[in-house]
Structures are given as C-alpha cells and as structure tokens.
C-alpha cells in the first residue's frame, strides 16, 4: 500500500511538471516588450489601462477613463500617465516611477499573449492578493 501511494505521488508530480503549455513564468525583459492593455467596463463608462515596455528598460503606464461625468461612453473624460524604469528577476516584475516616490512589485507570467500580474493590495482591513491580466497589443 505504501509503495503504491509513493508511486502515485511521484507519477502525479511528474505529469503536472511536464505540461505542454505556452506559459512563460518568470519571463525576461524581452518577453514583456510592447504594449499590454486591460479594459474594465463600469456602469458609467470604461477604464482602459495600458502598460508599454521598451527596450531601454523604461515603461509607461496609462489609464484612460471613458464615459464618466455624464459623458457618452465613447468620450475620454480623463487620463493619467506614469513613466518609469522596470526590472525583471525570475518571476518578479519591479516598476519604479520616475515622477513620484514609490514603486510597484508583482509576480508575473505570460500565456497566449496575456500578461498575468499578481500582487498584494492593502485595503482598509487586511492585505489582499490581487490578480489582473493584460492582453498583448503589438
């Protein structure tokens, strides 16, 4: 019985570690190059966020709000942009703004031209693991 259990455990570990997907966990800087976009539809409009990563290890983070403040959903009502530097170490992405103090750290992976970010946010009562995905634009 014990040999069968260990054989089953070993077999399941081998099968799960040999999956043939297109995931790039802990991808390099080159895998991030280009633009990645996410759209969040709200009742009053949409919020479009874009990360653009460049070969000189700079990035731009853009947020555009459409349709808020009583405007049609096709009208951009506000936007913000942040420029900074980025670095990759294993499956960690580090972003440092050039415009304000502070930065952003996340675990990341890429699968089928989708960038997955996982990081901790701090709402009022306790830390929360947050997961977002962005689709490759170019």
Protein backbone atom coordinates (compact mmCIF):
# COMPACT_ATOMS: atom_id res chain seq x y z
CA UNK A 1 0.00 0.00 0.00
CA UNK A 2 2.80 2.44 0.93
CA UNK A 3 4.74 1.71 -2.30
CA UNK A 4 1.58 2.30 -4.33
CA UNK A 5 0.97 5.63 -2.60
CA UNK A 6 4.52 6.86 -3.25
CA UNK A 7 4.37 5.66 -6.86
CA UNK A 8 1.09 7.52 -7.37
CA UNK A 9 2.54 10.64 -5.72
CA UNK A 10 5.66 10.50 -7.92
CA UNK A 11 3.62 9.92 -11.07
CA UNK A 12 1.32 12.87 -10.34
CA UNK A 13 4.33 15.14 -9.71
CA UNK A 14 5.94 14.11 -13.00
CA UNK A 15 2.74 14.59 -15.00
CA UNK A 16 2.00 18.03 -13.59
CA UNK A 17 5.55 19.27 -14.07
CA UNK A 18 5.63 18.21 -17.73
CA UNK A 19 2.60 20.09 -19.02
CA UNK A 20 2.97 21.38 -22.56
CA UNK A 21 1.51 24.87 -22.30
CA UNK A 22 2.83 28.21 -23.57
CA UNK A 23 3.27 29.77 -20.15
CA UNK A 24 6.36 31.88 -19.66
CA UNK A 25 6.71 32.13 -15.90
CA UNK A 26 9.48 34.44 -14.86
CA UNK A 27 9.88 35.63 -18.42
CA UNK A 28 12.68 38.01 -19.40
CA UNK A 29 12.55 41.71 -20.22
CA UNK A 30 12.32 40.81 -23.92
CA UNK A 31 9.09 38.86 -23.36
CA UNK A 32 7.47 41.99 -21.88
CA UNK A 33 8.38 44.33 -24.76
CA UNK A 34 5.42 46.05 -26.39
CA UNK A 35 2.05 47.15 -25.08
CA UNK A 36 -0.43 45.28 -22.87
CA UNK A 37 -3.99 46.53 -22.38
CA UNK A 38 -6.87 45.86 -19.98
CA UNK A 39 -10.43 47.23 -20.17
CA UNK A 40 -12.71 47.35 -17.14
CA UNK A 41 -16.33 48.15 -18.00
CA UNK A 42 -18.22 50.07 -15.33
CA UNK A 43 -21.85 51.16 -15.19
CA UNK A 44 -21.00 54.75 -16.18
CA UNK A 45 -18.12 54.01 -18.57
CA UNK A 46 -14.90 52.12 -19.15
CA UNK A 47 -11.41 52.29 -17.70
CA UNK A 48 -8.61 51.30 -20.10
CA UNK A 49 -5.17 50.69 -18.61
CA UNK A 50 -2.07 50.06 -20.69
CA UNK A 51 1.48 49.04 -19.83
CA UNK A 52 4.08 49.74 -22.54
CA UNK A 53 7.53 48.24 -22.00
CA UNK A 54 10.52 49.49 -24.02
CA UNK A 55 13.95 48.06 -24.86
CA UNK A 56 15.78 50.65 -22.73
CA UNK A 57 14.03 49.17 -19.64
CA UNK A 58 11.59 52.06 -19.38
CA UNK A 59 7.83 51.70 -19.17
CA UNK A 60 4.73 53.85 -19.46
CA UNK A 61 1.54 53.13 -17.54
CA UNK A 62 -1.54 54.88 -18.96
CA UNK A 63 -5.08 54.98 -17.58
CA UNK A 64 -7.92 56.40 -19.68
CA UNK A 65 -11.47 56.92 -18.42
CA UNK A 66 -14.30 56.89 -20.97
CA UNK A 67 -17.92 57.96 -20.41
CA UNK A 68 -17.86 59.23 -16.86
CA UNK A 69 -19.28 62.53 -15.54
CA UNK A 70 -22.41 62.19 -17.70
CA UNK A 71 -20.46 61.90 -20.97
CA UNK A 72 -21.14 59.22 -23.62
CA UNK A 73 -19.04 56.06 -23.21
CA UNK A 74 -17.09 56.95 -26.36
CA UNK A 75 -15.72 60.21 -24.89
CA UNK A 76 -12.46 60.16 -22.90
CA UNK A 77 -13.19 62.14 -19.74
CA UNK A 78 -9.80 61.84 -18.04
CA UNK A 79 -6.39 60.18 -18.30
CA UNK A 80 -3.15 59.72 -16.41
CA UNK A 81 0.31 58.60 -17.42
CA UNK A 82 3.27 57.41 -15.40
CA UNK A 83 6.76 56.85 -16.79
CA UNK A 84 9.40 54.80 -15.09
CA UNK A 85 12.01 52.07 -15.11
CA UNK A 86 11.40 48.34 -14.86
CA UNK A 87 13.41 45.27 -13.98
CA UNK A 88 12.73 41.53 -14.05
CA UNK A 89 14.16 38.98 -11.63
CA UNK A 90 12.81 35.47 -12.10
CA UNK A 91 9.02 35.72 -11.95
CA UNK A 92 9.09 39.17 -10.31
CA UNK A 93 8.45 42.46 -12.09
CA UNK A 94 9.69 45.66 -10.43
CA UNK A 95 8.41 49.05 -11.57
CA UNK A 96 9.89 52.34 -10.33
CA UNK A 97 8.19 55.61 -11.24
CA UNK A 98 10.35 58.48 -12.48
CA UNK A 99 7.69 61.00 -11.43
CA UNK A 100 6.95 60.13 -7.81
CA UNK A 101 8.45 58.17 -4.94
CA UNK A 102 7.48 54.57 -4.75
CA UNK A 103 7.18 51.60 -6.98
CA UNK A 104 5.20 48.51 -7.77
CA UNK A 105 6.23 44.85 -7.46
CA UNK A 106 4.31 41.89 -8.86
CA UNK A 107 4.70 38.25 -9.75
CA UNK A 108 4.09 37.80 -13.46
CA UNK A 109 3.68 35.22 -16.18
CA UNK A 110 2.75 35.29 -19.86
CA UNK A 111 0.45 32.77 -21.53
CA UNK A 112 -1.00 33.01 -25.07
CA UNK A 113 -0.19 36.75 -25.35
CA UNK A 114 -1.75 37.54 -21.97
CA UNK A 115 0.30 39.13 -19.19
CA UNK A 116 -0.80 37.97 -15.73
CA UNK A 117 0.13 40.09 -12.72
CA UNK A 118 -0.31 39.05 -9.10
CA UNK A 119 0.40 41.44 -6.27
CA UNK A 120 -0.78 42.46 -2.81
CA UNK A 121 -3.11 45.41 -2.28
CA UNK A 122 -3.83 46.91 1.12
CA UNK A 123 -7.48 47.86 1.59
CA UNK A 124 -8.60 49.17 4.97
CA UNK A 125 -8.86 45.89 6.85
CA UNK A 126 -6.24 43.41 5.53
CA UNK A 127 -3.83 42.66 2.67
CA UNK A 128 -5.48 41.08 -0.38
CA UNK A 129 -3.88 39.16 -3.25
CA UNK A 130 -4.92 40.87 -6.48
CA UNK A 131 -4.73 39.24 -9.92
CA UNK A 132 -5.07 41.18 -13.18
CA UNK A 133 -4.44 40.29 -16.80
CA UNK A 134 -3.48 42.40 -19.81
CA UNK A 135 -3.73 41.42 -23.49
CA UNK A 136 -0.81 41.96 -25.88
CA UNK A 137 -1.43 44.83 -28.32
CA UNK A 138 1.63 44.65 -30.58
